[in-house]
Amino acid sequence: MSILQLIAFTVLAFIIFLVIKYYILTKMAIRFYSRQGIKEYMYYPITGMAREWMDTSLNDNLKTIKYIKFNDKFKGEDAILTNLLDRPLLILTNPNLINEFLQNQQNYIKFEAPVAGFKQFLGNGIALEEGDKWKSKRKFISKLFKFDSVVNYLNIIRKVSKMMLERVENDSNFQVQQQFEAINSAISVQIFMGASIDDYKIDGKNPYDAIDTMGYEIYQHYLNVIPGLLGDKFVKLKLRSSDRIICQKIQYVRQQMKNIILDTIKREKQYCEQNQESENTNIIALLIQEGHKMEEEQEIIDILEIAFSLYFASRDTLASVLTIMLYYLMKDPNYFKQVEKEVMSLPPSYTFSDIQKLDFLQACLKETIRINTSAPILFVREAKVNHKLGNYNIKKGTYVNAGLISNQLDEKYFSDPLTFNPNRWLDHSAKNMIKQNPFVYLPFSGGMRNCIGQHLANLQAKIVLVEFIKKYQMPQIPNDFVLEFCIKQNYQIKNPLVLNLIRRQNC
């Protein structure tokens, strides 16, 4: 056999392999569910549903999930049946199935491919842990996010929000998503790591700049073909210079953040020994007050990785929510003026009780995360055992997810669902519907793995917007701005929303 014949044979064999693996076997696996009565939505060769999620030409990468119940063919269906890579993917849309799915996470493990490159940097934290390790970490920090504990974070959130807004260099070129990311990053570094951003520098950058830059570099590295296909294990082998560089950077930034946490532990222990109150409320101070020694290496690593997980969850999702909420308020000036009236009536040193009285702002926040939440779906799960879900048999290896936002945009549950209408929360129509079925509105997920920081996220979002409105007059949406959505490091507005802001007098 000549070399050309060998190459031709190899190429043919590879093509046959792809056809069998990614078409024949995948279609057979999908048919297992279609025979159970689930309608097949679409088959995508090789990539599966990820093609939609990563297609930069789309005006909304999640439009299938968001608007599936407006499709007459799939209205009333329990799930979207498609594929992800070579396996079936079920995206649940029936709220009762979503409930059962969330309550039985022991049947699943998280599909980690989308975050493979980040694990070396972030570790497992709490988001990616499973089983007893997850339970241990969840219990470890659960007290820090209960309603009573969250109240203590108000002053630091307000202080950092004011400070970051004062540092805006160009009011006439205010890039909303970017600026809100910076504000929430600074708040997160303070709360989760106990570090003032002005006290530390990593290669001349504030800690949150260093973390964000590292996250971006990892994201870009794994967009390349080789690390994207071969994954984290290959990158860790450091066979290529680019892999060696990214691994060295990851370890360097991790060590610098670990040093910050060690400094915080030392400082907070001194306060505790001297019976002094901590200068700034943070989770490390609260853990020490709870009696945690924080002397063992593994406990320090756990704190670092938990802090990283909470940091990224808070930074990205809150910035996206605040950006889209501000857009909706600008789109309807009457809504903005109602929020403005509440905000401007606050005393300078407002308390948690004062924030709780901002009923219209709270309604706007609820409506924002109903119509365009930054977490419209969950991490994809992989079934690790054969089991029943509702009336359906689920095979081991099947990918399952919950299309949370599909119900939040369903006219069956919310009248005129595509219209931003915060008044639905004030006339109790939305609340009454949720009482009938709590699983039609899950902006913070549900079950035992719901968002542990939802009370903090709610408070932080309101305070950041309060400080923004106290500082600036009502802005105008640029004439050339087009509202589109995409998936980057989270689900967010695709096109930069850039505003020309005018400061209030005596601000």
Protein backbone atom coordinates (compact mmCIF):
# COMPACT_ATOMS: atom_id res chain seq x y z
CA MET A 1 0.00 0.00 0.00
CA SER A 2 1.43 3.37 -1.04
CA ILE A 3 1.60 6.38 1.29
CA LEU A 4 -1.21 8.11 -0.63
CA GLN A 5 -3.38 5.01 -0.30
CA LEU A 6 -2.62 4.83 3.41
CA ILE A 7 -3.55 8.49 3.87
CA ALA A 8 -6.75 8.00 1.87
CA PHE A 9 -7.64 4.91 3.92
CA THR A 10 -6.94 6.77 7.17
CA VAL A 11 -9.09 9.73 6.13
CA LEU A 12 -11.92 7.41 5.04
CA ALA A 13 -11.73 5.48 8.31
CA PHE A 14 -11.84 8.74 10.27
CA ILE A 15 -14.88 9.93 8.33
CA ILE A 16 -16.64 6.60 8.93
CA PHE A 17 -15.77 6.89 12.64
CA LEU A 18 -17.29 10.39 12.80
CA VAL A 19 -20.45 9.29 10.98
CA ILE A 20 -20.94 6.32 13.28
CA LYS A 21 -20.13 8.15 16.52
CA TYR A 22 -21.69 11.54 15.87
CA TYR A 23 -24.62 10.59 13.64
CA ILE A 24 -25.72 6.96 13.71
CA LEU A 25 -25.15 6.27 17.41
CA THR A 26 -26.26 9.77 18.45
CA LYS A 27 -29.49 9.55 16.42
CA MET A 28 -30.18 6.11 17.89
CA ALA A 29 -29.72 7.53 21.40
CA ILE A 30 -32.02 10.49 20.60
CA ARG A 31 -34.62 8.08 19.23
CA PHE A 32 -34.71 6.37 22.65
CA TYR A 33 -36.34 9.55 23.97
CA SER A 34 -38.49 10.33 20.94
CA ARG A 35 -40.05 6.86 21.32
CA GLN A 36 -41.06 7.94 24.83
CA GLY A 37 -43.05 10.84 23.37
CA ILE A 38 -40.51 13.68 23.53
CA LYS A 39 -40.44 15.54 20.22
CA GLU A 40 -37.02 15.99 18.66
CA TYR A 41 -36.28 19.67 18.21
CA MET A 42 -33.08 19.58 16.17
CA TYR A 43 -29.98 17.47 15.54
CA TYR A 44 -26.70 19.36 15.10
CA PRO A 45 -23.77 17.36 13.66
CA ILE A 46 -20.82 16.90 16.06
CA THR A 47 -21.19 20.09 18.16
CA GLY A 48 -24.83 19.65 19.07
CA MET A 49 -26.72 22.46 20.80
CA ALA A 50 -23.37 24.11 21.55
CA ARG A 51 -23.48 25.40 17.97
CA GLU A 52 -26.32 27.76 18.89
CA TRP A 53 -24.70 28.74 22.17
CA MET A 54 -21.41 29.70 20.50
CA ASP A 55 -22.73 31.18 17.23
CA THR A 56 -21.65 34.83 17.29
CA SER A 57 -23.89 35.68 14.32
CA LEU A 58 -27.09 35.09 16.30
CA ASN A 59 -28.89 37.97 17.99
CA ASP A 60 -29.57 35.72 20.98
CA ASN A 61 -27.64 32.52 21.69
CA LEU A 62 -30.41 31.15 23.90
CA LYS A 63 -33.44 32.10 21.81
CA THR A 64 -34.46 28.45 21.34
CA ILE A 65 -34.77 27.88 25.08
CA LYS A 66 -36.26 31.31 25.82
CA TYR A 67 -38.94 31.22 23.13
CA ILE A 68 -39.65 27.49 22.75
CA LYS A 69 -43.16 27.91 24.19
CA PHE A 70 -44.03 30.39 21.45
CA ASN A 71 -43.43 27.59 18.92
CA ASP A 72 -46.82 25.95 18.24
CA LYS A 73 -45.14 22.61 17.52
CA PHE A 74 -43.47 22.49 20.94
CA LYS A 75 -45.99 24.38 23.07
CA GLY A 76 -46.90 22.20 26.05
CA GLU A 77 -43.93 19.85 25.56
CA ASP A 78 -41.98 18.68 28.61
CA ALA A 79 -38.51 19.13 27.17
CA ILE A 80 -36.38 20.21 24.23
CA LEU A 81 -34.77 17.10 22.72
CA THR A 82 -31.53 17.68 20.83
CA ASN A 83 -27.90 16.61 21.13
CA LEU A 84 -24.69 17.88 22.71
CA LEU A 85 -21.62 16.44 20.99
CA ASP A 86 -22.39 12.71 20.55
CA ARG A 87 -25.12 12.34 23.18
CA PRO A 88 -28.77 13.25 23.64
CA LEU A 89 -29.49 16.49 25.47
CA LEU A 90 -32.76 17.02 27.30
CA ILE A 91 -33.50 20.63 28.27
CA LEU A 92 -36.43 20.40 30.65
CA THR A 93 -39.21 22.98 30.30
CA ASN A 94 -41.98 21.40 32.37
CA PRO A 95 -41.78 23.05 35.83
CA ASN A 96 -42.70 19.84 37.64
CA LEU A 97 -39.94 17.93 35.85
CA ILE A 98 -37.53 20.77 36.66
CA ASN A 99 -38.55 20.43 40.31
CA GLU A 100 -37.89 16.70 40.32
CA PHE A 101 -34.59 17.17 38.47
CA LEU A 102 -33.34 19.78 40.96
CA GLN A 103 -34.40 17.70 43.95
CA ASN A 104 -32.51 14.61 42.72
CA GLN A 105 -29.07 15.90 41.79
CA GLN A 106 -27.51 12.74 43.23
CA ASN A 107 -28.35 11.14 39.87
CA TYR A 108 -26.09 13.56 37.96
CA ILE A 109 -22.63 15.00 37.70
CA LYS A 110 -21.76 18.34 36.12
CA PHE A 111 -20.55 18.42 32.53
CA GLU A 112 -17.33 20.35 33.06
CA ALA A 113 -16.08 20.83 29.48
CA PRO A 114 -17.09 24.54 29.31
CA VAL A 115 -15.05 25.33 32.44
CA ALA A 116 -12.21 22.85 31.91
CA GLY A 117 -9.60 25.56 31.53
CA PHE A 118 -10.72 27.37 34.66
CA LYS A 119 -10.40 24.46 37.08
CA GLN A 120 -6.62 24.80 37.30
CA PHE A 121 -7.13 28.43 38.32
CA LEU A 122 -10.32 28.26 40.37
CA GLY A 123 -10.23 24.71 41.69
CA ASN A 124 -13.58 23.10 42.44
CA GLY A 125 -14.74 25.78 44.85
CA ILE A 126 -18.32 24.98 45.67
CA ALA A 127 -19.92 25.14 42.22
CA LEU A 128 -18.09 22.13 40.78
CA GLU A 129 -17.92 19.91 43.85
CA GLU A 130 -20.10 16.83 44.13
CA GLY A 131 -21.32 14.51 46.89
CA ASP A 132 -19.94 14.75 50.41
CA LYS A 133 -17.28 17.33 49.45
CA TRP A 134 -20.00 19.64 48.19
CA LYS A 135 -22.08 19.13 51.33
CA SER A 136 -19.06 19.90 53.51
CA LYS A 137 -18.20 23.13 51.68
CA ARG A 138 -21.84 24.22 51.50
CA LYS A 139 -22.20 23.74 55.26
CA PHE A 140 -18.85 25.49 55.80
CA ILE A 141 -20.12 28.78 54.41
CA SER A 142 -23.91 28.49 54.68
CA LYS A 143 -24.16 30.68 57.78
CA LEU A 144 -22.35 33.50 56.00
CA PHE A 145 -25.17 33.93 53.50
CA LYS A 146 -28.21 33.67 55.70
CA PHE A 147 -30.46 36.69 55.74
CA ASP A 148 -29.24 37.92 59.14
CA SER A 149 -25.59 37.74 58.11
CA VAL A 150 -26.11 39.51 54.78
CA VAL A 151 -27.29 42.67 56.57
CA ASN A 152 -23.73 43.14 57.82
CA TYR A 153 -22.40 43.59 54.28
CA LEU A 154 -24.42 46.74 53.54
CA ASN A 155 -21.86 49.32 54.62
CA ILE A 156 -18.96 47.79 52.68
CA ILE A 157 -21.09 47.42 49.53
CA ARG A 158 -22.11 51.08 49.76
CA LYS A 159 -18.57 52.27 50.51
CA VAL A 160 -16.98 50.39 47.61
CA SER A 161 -19.78 51.32 45.18
CA LYS A 162 -19.31 55.03 45.93
CA MET A 163 -15.54 54.74 45.66
CA MET A 164 -15.64 52.94 42.31
CA LEU A 165 -18.15 55.38 40.81
CA GLU A 166 -15.94 58.28 41.89
CA ARG A 167 -13.10 56.69 39.96
CA VAL A 168 -14.99 56.69 36.66
CA GLU A 169 -12.65 58.57 34.35
CA ASN A 170 -15.03 59.51 31.54
CA ASP A 171 -18.72 60.14 32.26
CA SER A 172 -19.37 60.69 28.55
CA ASN A 173 -18.09 57.21 27.68
CA PHE A 174 -19.55 55.11 30.48
CA GLN A 175 -19.41 51.47 29.34
CA VAL A 176 -22.16 50.01 31.48
CA GLN A 177 -21.31 46.29 31.59
CA GLN A 178 -17.61 46.98 32.05
CA GLN A 179 -18.11 49.54 34.82
CA PHE A 180 -20.62 47.39 36.70
CA GLU A 181 -18.20 44.46 36.44
CA ALA A 182 -15.47 46.61 38.00
CA ILE A 183 -17.75 47.73 40.85
CA ASN A 184 -18.96 44.22 41.63
CA SER A 185 -15.42 42.82 41.33
CA ALA A 186 -14.13 45.30 43.90
CA ILE A 187 -17.02 44.50 46.24
CA SER A 188 -16.40 40.76 45.85
CA VAL A 189 -12.67 41.03 46.59
CA GLN A 190 -13.54 42.94 49.76
CA ILE A 191 -16.30 40.62 50.97
CA PHE A 192 -14.89 37.25 49.92
CA MET A 193 -11.18 37.86 50.48
CA GLY A 194 -11.17 40.67 53.04
CA ALA A 195 -8.90 42.78 50.86
CA SER A 196 -9.18 46.45 50.05
CA ILE A 197 -8.30 46.79 46.37
CA ASP A 198 -5.96 49.69 47.21
CA ASP A 199 -3.85 47.64 49.63
CA TYR A 200 -2.59 45.08 47.12
CA LYS A 201 -1.13 45.06 43.64
CA ILE A 202 -0.44 42.08 41.39
CA ASP A 203 1.89 43.09 38.56
CA GLY A 204 0.77 46.66 39.11
CA LYS A 205 -2.93 45.79 38.92
CA ASN A 206 -5.67 45.80 41.54
CA PRO A 207 -6.58 42.25 42.66
CA TYR A 208 -9.85 42.21 40.72
CA ASP A 209 -8.06 43.39 37.56
CA ALA A 210 -5.53 40.58 37.96
CA ILE A 211 -8.28 37.96 38.46
CA ASP A 212 -10.34 39.25 35.53
CA THR A 213 -7.30 39.40 33.24
CA MET A 214 -6.36 35.85 34.19
CA GLY A 215 -9.92 34.67 33.54
CA TYR A 216 -9.93 36.33 30.12
CA GLU A 217 -6.56 34.82 29.16
CA ILE A 218 -7.74 31.35 30.15
CA TYR A 219 -10.94 31.81 28.16
CA GLN A 220 -8.96 32.90 25.08
CA HIS A 221 -6.44 30.06 25.46
CA TYR A 222 -9.13 27.38 25.45
CA LEU A 223 -10.85 28.86 22.41
CA ASN A 224 -7.89 27.53 20.40
CA VAL A 225 -8.37 24.17 18.72
CA ILE A 226 -5.77 22.04 20.54
CA PRO A 227 -6.58 22.95 24.18
CA GLY A 228 -10.26 23.13 23.26
CA LEU A 229 -10.28 19.54 21.99
CA LEU A 230 -7.67 17.92 24.24
CA GLY A 231 -8.66 19.72 27.44
CA ASP A 232 -7.04 20.67 30.71
CA LYS A 233 -5.02 17.46 31.17
CA PHE A 234 -3.14 18.10 27.93
CA VAL A 235 -2.46 21.74 28.83
CA LYS A 236 -1.05 20.67 32.21
CA LEU A 237 1.53 18.51 30.42
CA LYS A 238 3.09 21.83 29.25
CA LEU A 239 4.30 20.36 25.97
CA ARG A 240 3.84 23.68 24.15
CA SER A 241 5.29 27.03 25.15
CA SER A 242 1.83 28.63 25.21
CA ASP A 243 0.64 25.97 27.66
CA ARG A 244 3.68 26.50 29.88
CA ILE A 245 3.08 30.26 29.93
CA ILE A 246 -0.62 30.00 30.84
CA CYS A 247 0.08 27.43 33.58
CA GLN A 248 2.82 29.62 35.08
CA LYS A 249 0.51 32.65 35.08
CA ILE A 250 -2.27 30.66 36.71
CA GLN A 251 -0.03 29.44 39.52
CA TYR A 252 1.42 32.91 40.03
CA VAL A 253 -1.95 34.65 40.37
CA ARG A 254 -3.31 31.85 42.58
CA GLN A 255 -0.32 32.25 44.90
CA GLN A 256 -0.76 36.02 45.07
CA MET A 257 -4.44 35.64 45.95
CA LYS A 258 -3.53 33.01 48.54
CA ASN A 259 -1.09 35.50 50.08
CA ILE A 260 -3.89 38.07 50.34
CA ILE A 261 -6.08 35.55 52.13
CA LEU A 262 -3.24 34.62 54.50
CA ASP A 263 -2.81 38.34 55.32
CA THR A 264 -6.54 38.64 55.98
CA ILE A 265 -6.52 35.58 58.26
CA LYS A 266 -3.58 37.00 60.23
CA ARG A 267 -5.22 40.43 60.55
CA GLU A 268 -8.63 39.11 61.53
CA LYS A 269 -7.14 36.77 64.14
CA GLN A 270 -5.37 39.74 65.72
CA TYR A 271 -8.65 41.65 65.89
CA CYS A 272 -10.30 38.63 67.48
CA GLU A 273 -7.50 38.17 70.05
CA GLN A 274 -7.69 41.87 70.98
CA ASN A 275 -11.52 41.80 71.14
CA GLN A 276 -11.68 44.39 68.37
CA GLU A 277 -14.26 44.53 65.64
CA SER A 278 -13.04 43.92 62.11
CA GLU A 279 -12.59 47.11 60.09
CA ASN A 280 -14.52 45.64 57.17
CA THR A 281 -17.01 42.78 57.24
CA ASN A 282 -15.82 39.80 55.18
CA ILE A 283 -16.40 36.07 55.13
CA ILE A 284 -12.98 35.26 56.60
CA ALA A 285 -13.66 37.46 59.65
CA LEU A 286 -17.05 35.81 60.12
CA LEU A 287 -15.55 32.32 59.82
CA ILE A 288 -12.95 33.14 62.48
CA GLN A 289 -15.73 34.44 64.73
CA GLU A 290 -17.48 31.09 64.14
CA GLY A 291 -14.41 29.36 65.61
CA HIS A 292 -12.60 28.20 62.46
CA LYS A 293 -8.83 28.04 63.10
CA MET A 294 -7.75 28.37 59.45
CA GLU A 295 -4.32 26.91 60.14
CA GLU A 296 -4.30 23.82 57.93
CA GLU A 297 -3.18 24.16 54.31
CA GLN A 298 -6.29 22.44 52.94
CA GLU A 299 -8.61 24.78 54.83
CA ILE A 300 -6.78 27.80 53.36
CA ILE A 301 -6.99 26.30 49.85
CA ASP A 302 -10.70 25.67 50.40
CA ILE A 303 -11.19 29.32 51.37
CA LEU A 304 -9.27 30.45 48.29
CA GLU A 305 -11.29 28.28 45.92
CA ILE A 306 -14.62 29.15 47.56
CA ALA A 307 -13.70 32.83 47.32
CA PHE A 308 -12.88 32.40 43.62
CA SER A 309 -16.19 30.65 42.95
CA LEU A 310 -18.22 33.29 44.76
CA TYR A 311 -16.22 36.05 43.10
CA PHE A 312 -16.95 34.96 39.55
CA ALA A 313 -20.58 34.10 40.29
CA SER A 314 -21.15 37.54 41.80
CA ARG A 315 -19.13 39.62 39.36
CA ASP A 316 -20.53 38.35 36.08
CA THR A 317 -24.15 37.73 36.93
CA LEU A 318 -24.72 40.93 38.87
CA ALA A 319 -23.06 43.13 36.25
CA SER A 320 -25.27 41.58 33.56
CA VAL A 321 -28.45 41.98 35.62
CA LEU A 322 -27.65 45.60 36.44
CA THR A 323 -26.87 46.39 32.81
CA ILE A 324 -30.13 44.99 31.46
CA MET A 325 -32.15 46.52 34.32
CA LEU A 326 -30.71 49.97 33.60
CA TYR A 327 -31.55 49.46 29.91
CA TYR A 328 -35.20 48.68 30.71
CA LEU A 329 -35.46 51.66 33.05
CA MET A 330 -34.05 53.99 30.39
CA LYS A 331 -36.37 52.50 27.79
CA ASP A 332 -39.38 53.54 29.87
CA PRO A 333 -38.54 56.88 31.57
CA ASN A 334 -41.63 56.57 33.80
CA TYR A 335 -40.14 53.47 35.37
CA PHE A 336 -36.81 55.22 35.83
CA LYS A 337 -38.52 58.20 37.49
CA GLN A 338 -40.37 55.92 39.92
CA VAL A 339 -37.10 54.24 40.93
CA GLU A 340 -35.40 57.63 41.07
CA LYS A 341 -38.10 58.98 43.41
CA GLU A 342 -37.56 56.08 45.82
CA VAL A 343 -33.76 56.36 45.67
CA MET A 344 -33.62 60.13 46.19
CA SER A 345 -35.84 59.83 49.27
CA LEU A 346 -33.24 57.65 51.01
CA PRO A 347 -31.28 59.24 53.87
CA PRO A 348 -27.51 59.61 53.26
CA SER A 349 -26.67 56.82 55.69
CA TYR A 350 -29.50 54.52 54.69
CA THR A 351 -29.96 51.28 56.58
CA PHE A 352 -31.00 47.80 55.53
CA SER A 353 -34.53 48.65 56.64
CA ASP A 354 -34.52 51.66 54.28
CA ILE A 355 -33.40 49.46 51.37
CA GLN A 356 -36.19 47.01 52.14
CA LYS A 357 -38.75 49.77 51.60
CA LEU A 358 -37.73 50.34 47.95
CA ASP A 359 -40.71 48.38 46.66
CA PHE A 360 -40.60 49.56 43.06
CA LEU A 361 -36.86 49.00 42.75
CA GLN A 362 -37.34 45.49 44.12
CA ALA A 363 -40.14 44.92 41.58
CA CYS A 364 -37.86 46.10 38.76
CA LEU A 365 -35.13 43.74 39.89
CA LYS A 366 -37.54 40.79 40.02
CA GLU A 367 -38.90 41.65 36.59
CA THR A 368 -35.40 41.97 35.12
CA ILE A 369 -34.36 38.51 36.27
CA ARG A 370 -37.67 37.14 35.05
CA ILE A 371 -37.44 38.44 31.49
CA ASN A 372 -33.66 38.30 30.98
CA THR A 373 -31.85 36.70 33.87
CA SER A 374 -28.09 36.24 33.58
CA ALA A 375 -28.56 32.56 34.52
CA PRO A 376 -31.33 31.33 32.16
CA ILE A 377 -30.05 27.75 32.23
CA LEU A 378 -27.84 25.71 34.54
CA PHE A 379 -24.58 23.87 34.06
CA VAL A 380 -25.35 20.86 31.89
CA ARG A 381 -25.59 17.68 33.97
CA GLU A 382 -24.66 14.15 32.89
CA ALA A 383 -26.80 11.27 34.17
CA LYS A 384 -24.48 8.95 36.07
CA VAL A 385 -27.08 6.17 36.52
CA ASN A 386 -30.17 4.92 34.73
CA HIS A 387 -33.20 6.40 36.47
CA LYS A 388 -36.75 7.72 36.11
CA LEU A 389 -37.57 11.40 35.75
CA GLY A 390 -41.30 11.90 35.83
CA ASN A 391 -42.66 9.35 33.34
CA TYR A 392 -39.42 9.21 31.37
CA ASN A 393 -36.59 6.69 31.53
CA ILE A 394 -33.23 8.48 31.57
CA LYS A 395 -30.19 6.55 30.40
CA LYS A 396 -26.78 6.86 31.98
CA GLY A 397 -24.63 9.27 29.95
CA THR A 398 -27.52 11.46 28.77
CA TYR A 399 -27.04 15.20 29.19
CA VAL A 400 -29.84 16.98 31.05
CA ASN A 401 -30.41 20.64 31.80
CA ALA A 402 -33.22 22.91 33.00
CA GLY A 403 -34.47 25.67 30.71
CA LEU A 404 -35.45 27.87 33.63
CA ILE A 405 -36.23 30.95 31.57
CA SER A 406 -38.66 29.13 29.25
CA ASN A 407 -41.29 29.19 32.01
CA GLN A 408 -40.50 32.76 32.99
CA LEU A 409 -41.45 33.76 29.42
CA ASP A 410 -44.51 31.52 29.18
CA GLU A 411 -47.84 33.32 28.73
CA LYS A 412 -49.44 30.44 30.65
CA TYR A 413 -47.76 31.76 33.80
CA PHE A 414 -47.08 35.44 33.10
CA SER A 415 -49.40 37.66 31.06
CA ASP A 416 -47.73 39.52 28.18
CA PRO A 417 -44.46 37.76 29.14
CA LEU A 418 -42.12 39.57 26.72
CA THR A 419 -43.02 42.99 28.13
CA PHE A 420 -40.98 44.45 30.97
CA ASN A 421 -43.70 45.19 33.53
CA PRO A 422 -42.54 45.55 37.14
CA ASN A 423 -46.10 46.33 38.22
CA ARG A 424 -46.98 42.64 37.91
CA TRP A 425 -45.02 42.18 41.17
CA LEU A 426 -46.88 45.02 42.89
CA ASP A 427 -50.37 43.88 41.91
CA HIS A 428 -49.37 40.40 43.14
CA SER A 429 -50.35 38.66 39.88
CA ALA A 430 -46.84 37.25 39.49
CA LYS A 431 -46.53 36.37 43.16
CA ASN A 432 -49.87 34.54 43.10
CA MET A 433 -48.79 32.49 40.08
CA ILE A 434 -45.52 31.54 41.78
CA LYS A 435 -47.43 30.44 44.88
CA GLN A 436 -49.40 28.04 42.68
CA ASN A 437 -46.20 26.60 41.19
CA PRO A 438 -42.90 27.84 42.69
CA PHE A 439 -40.89 26.23 39.86
CA VAL A 440 -42.07 28.58 37.12
CA TYR A 441 -39.77 31.33 38.48
CA LEU A 442 -36.28 30.18 39.45
CA PRO A 443 -33.79 32.98 38.80
CA PHE A 444 -31.54 31.56 41.54
CA SER A 445 -32.17 27.91 40.62
CA GLY A 446 -33.81 25.63 43.19
CA GLY A 447 -33.40 22.51 45.27
CA MET A 448 -30.47 21.89 47.54
CA ARG A 449 -28.01 23.40 45.03
CA ASN A 450 -29.77 26.73 44.68
CA CYS A 451 -27.70 29.93 44.70
CA ILE A 452 -26.31 30.27 48.22
CA GLY A 453 -25.64 33.98 47.72
CA GLN A 454 -29.08 35.09 46.50
CA HIS A 455 -29.80 37.38 49.49
CA LEU A 456 -26.40 39.05 49.11
CA ALA A 457 -26.86 39.36 45.33
CA ASN A 458 -30.25 41.02 45.83
CA LEU A 459 -28.84 43.54 48.32
CA GLN A 460 -25.72 44.23 46.26
CA ALA A 461 -27.66 44.82 43.03
CA LYS A 462 -29.98 47.31 44.73
CA ILE A 463 -27.18 49.25 46.45
CA VAL A 464 -25.05 49.53 43.30
CA LEU A 465 -28.04 50.87 41.34
CA VAL A 466 -28.98 53.19 44.21
CA GLU A 467 -25.50 54.72 44.22
CA PHE A 468 -25.52 55.02 40.43
CA ILE A 469 -28.86 56.88 40.41
CA LYS A 470 -27.81 59.11 43.31
CA LYS A 471 -24.78 60.15 41.29
CA TYR A 472 -26.19 60.47 37.77
CA GLN A 473 -29.28 61.90 36.11
CA MET A 474 -31.43 59.69 33.89
CA PRO A 475 -29.34 58.77 30.83
CA GLN A 476 -30.59 58.16 27.29
CA ILE A 477 -30.20 54.95 25.29
CA PRO A 478 -27.90 55.64 22.31
CA ASN A 479 -29.81 55.76 19.02
CA ASP A 480 -27.56 53.14 17.43
CA PHE A 481 -27.78 50.62 20.29
CA VAL A 482 -29.34 47.25 19.39
CA LEU A 483 -30.40 44.91 22.19
CA GLU A 484 -28.93 41.47 21.53
CA PHE A 485 -27.69 38.70 23.83
CA CYS A 486 -24.77 36.31 23.76
CA ILE A 487 -22.89 33.83 25.92
CA LYS A 488 -19.43 35.00 26.91
CA GLN A 489 -18.23 34.12 30.39
CA ASN A 490 -21.93 34.32 31.21
CA TYR A 491 -25.16 35.30 29.45
CA GLN A 492 -25.15 39.04 28.80
CA ILE A 493 -25.88 41.91 26.42
CA LYS A 494 -23.93 41.36 23.20
CA ASN A 495 -23.29 44.95 22.10
CA PRO A 496 -21.56 47.44 24.43
CA LEU A 497 -24.04 49.83 26.03
CA VAL A 498 -22.11 53.11 26.22
CA LEU A 499 -23.77 56.10 27.92
CA ASN A 500 -23.18 59.82 28.11
CA LEU A 501 -23.82 60.57 31.79
CA ILE A 502 -24.52 63.83 33.56
CA ARG A 503 -23.72 64.12 37.24
CA ARG A 504 -26.29 65.51 39.62
CA GLN A 505 -25.58 68.84 41.26
CA ASN A 506 -24.01 68.63 44.73
CA CYS A 507 -23.08 65.01 44.02
